[in-house]
Amino acid sequence: MFKKLIAMYKVTVLYNHPVDPDSFEKYYEETHTPIALKIPKLINFELTKFIDTPNGEQAFYRMAELCFATAEDMQAALTSAEGKDAVDDLENFASGGVTFLIGNYSKAL
């Protein structure tokens, strides 16, 4: 049984299908992820690569979820030099474009 519910703030980055998936993956693993991991106040970082369903291709190619303890931590992280570096780096590999979602979420522990 879950013991408690905690609230956090999450930035979700949804990546559209890239022009060249192999180049995307190489850059994402070797360059972009290390940049993103330098973002301050980051308390959880999850990456998902979507797979095709029996009905066909997923709407998105990848998802990154960056979690912060408070709205203030999230804002500070996004406006930090490291946060700006991560956003600026998207143009170097995310050829399909990205969608950002920002929200408050709860997690059962």
Protein backbone atom coordinates (compact mmCIF):
# COMPACT_ATOMS: atom_id res chain seq x y z
CA MET A 1 0.00 0.00 0.00
CA PHE A 2 1.19 3.52 -0.70
CA LYS A 3 2.42 5.43 2.33
CA LYS A 4 2.13 9.02 1.12
CA LEU A 5 1.51 11.30 -1.82
CA ILE A 6 4.14 13.86 -2.75
CA ALA A 7 3.74 16.80 -5.12
CA MET A 8 6.40 17.85 -7.60
CA TYR A 9 6.71 20.01 -10.68
CA LYS A 10 7.47 18.46 -14.03
CA VAL A 11 8.70 19.67 -17.40
CA THR A 12 7.80 17.19 -20.13
CA VAL A 13 9.52 17.45 -23.49
CA LEU A 14 7.81 15.56 -26.31
CA TYR A 15 10.01 14.99 -29.33
CA ASN A 16 8.41 14.57 -32.75
CA HIS A 17 9.88 11.98 -35.11
CA PRO A 18 13.33 13.11 -36.28
CA VAL A 19 14.47 13.19 -39.88
CA ASP A 20 17.38 10.84 -39.06
CA PRO A 21 16.63 8.67 -35.98
CA ASP A 22 20.16 7.20 -35.79
CA SER A 23 21.79 10.65 -35.71
CA PHE A 24 19.17 11.82 -33.20
CA GLU A 25 19.89 8.90 -30.86
CA LYS A 26 23.66 9.33 -31.03
CA TYR A 27 23.48 13.04 -30.29
CA TYR A 28 20.78 12.61 -27.64
CA GLU A 29 22.81 10.05 -25.71
CA GLU A 30 26.29 11.48 -26.11
CA THR A 31 25.67 15.23 -26.08
CA HIS A 32 22.19 16.42 -25.12
CA THR A 33 21.49 14.20 -22.11
CA PRO A 34 24.76 15.17 -20.36
CA ILE A 35 23.84 18.84 -20.93
CA ALA A 36 20.35 18.32 -19.50
CA LEU A 37 21.69 16.48 -16.45
CA LYS A 38 23.61 19.63 -15.46
CA ILE A 39 20.35 21.56 -14.92
CA PRO A 40 20.32 22.63 -11.25
CA LYS A 41 17.68 21.52 -8.75
CA LEU A 42 16.73 18.54 -10.92
CA ILE A 43 15.46 15.76 -8.62
CA ASN A 44 14.30 13.21 -11.19
CA PHE A 45 15.08 12.71 -14.88
CA GLU A 46 13.30 10.09 -16.99
CA LEU A 47 13.61 9.31 -20.68
CA THR A 48 11.18 7.31 -22.79
CA LYS A 49 11.62 6.10 -26.36
CA PHE A 50 8.23 5.18 -27.75
CA ILE A 51 7.73 2.02 -29.76
CA ASP A 52 5.20 1.42 -32.49
CA THR A 53 1.85 0.01 -31.47
CA PRO A 54 0.10 -2.83 -33.33
CA ASN A 55 -1.90 -0.04 -35.02
CA GLY A 56 1.16 1.85 -36.25
CA GLU A 57 3.55 4.63 -35.36
CA GLN A 58 3.25 6.60 -32.12
CA ALA A 59 2.42 10.31 -32.32
CA PHE A 60 5.74 11.16 -30.62
CA TYR A 61 9.23 9.68 -30.90
CA ARG A 62 10.65 10.37 -27.41
CA MET A 63 9.76 11.98 -24.11
CA ALA A 64 11.95 13.52 -21.44
CA GLU A 65 10.58 14.28 -17.98
CA LEU A 66 12.45 16.64 -15.66
CA CYS A 67 11.15 16.92 -12.09
CA PHE A 68 11.65 19.59 -9.46
CA ALA A 69 10.58 19.85 -5.82
CA THR A 70 8.94 23.27 -6.07
CA ALA A 71 7.67 25.71 -8.66
CA GLU A 72 10.46 28.07 -7.61
CA ASP A 73 13.10 25.39 -8.17
CA MET A 74 11.66 24.65 -11.59
CA GLN A 75 11.63 28.33 -12.58
CA ALA A 76 15.20 28.82 -11.34
CA ALA A 77 16.34 25.73 -13.25
CA LEU A 78 14.68 26.77 -16.50
CA THR A 79 16.17 30.26 -16.37
CA SER A 80 19.64 29.08 -15.32
CA ALA A 81 22.57 29.04 -17.74
CA GLU A 82 22.38 25.22 -17.78
CA GLY A 83 18.65 25.26 -18.50
CA LYS A 84 19.15 27.72 -21.33
CA ASP A 85 22.00 25.59 -22.71
CA ALA A 86 19.70 22.55 -22.81
CA VAL A 87 16.93 24.47 -24.60
CA ASP A 88 19.38 26.08 -27.04
CA ASP A 89 20.85 22.66 -27.84
CA LEU A 90 17.52 21.35 -29.15
CA GLU A 91 18.08 23.03 -32.52
CA ASN A 92 21.21 20.88 -32.96
CA PHE A 93 19.37 17.56 -33.15
CA ALA A 94 15.56 17.76 -32.69
CA SER A 95 14.81 18.00 -36.41
CA GLY A 96 11.17 16.96 -35.92
CA GLY A 97 10.48 19.70 -33.38
CA VAL A 98 9.45 19.52 -29.73
CA THR A 99 6.46 20.27 -27.52
CA PHE A 100 6.91 21.42 -23.91
CA LEU A 101 4.40 20.71 -21.15
CA ILE A 102 4.81 22.10 -17.63
CA GLY A 103 2.72 20.95 -14.73
CA ASN A 104 2.27 20.00 -11.13
CA TYR A 105 1.94 16.31 -10.44
CA SER A 106 1.60 13.95 -7.52
CA LYS A 107 3.42 10.70 -6.99
CA ALA A 108 2.43 7.96 -4.59
CA LEU A 109 5.24 6.45 -2.54
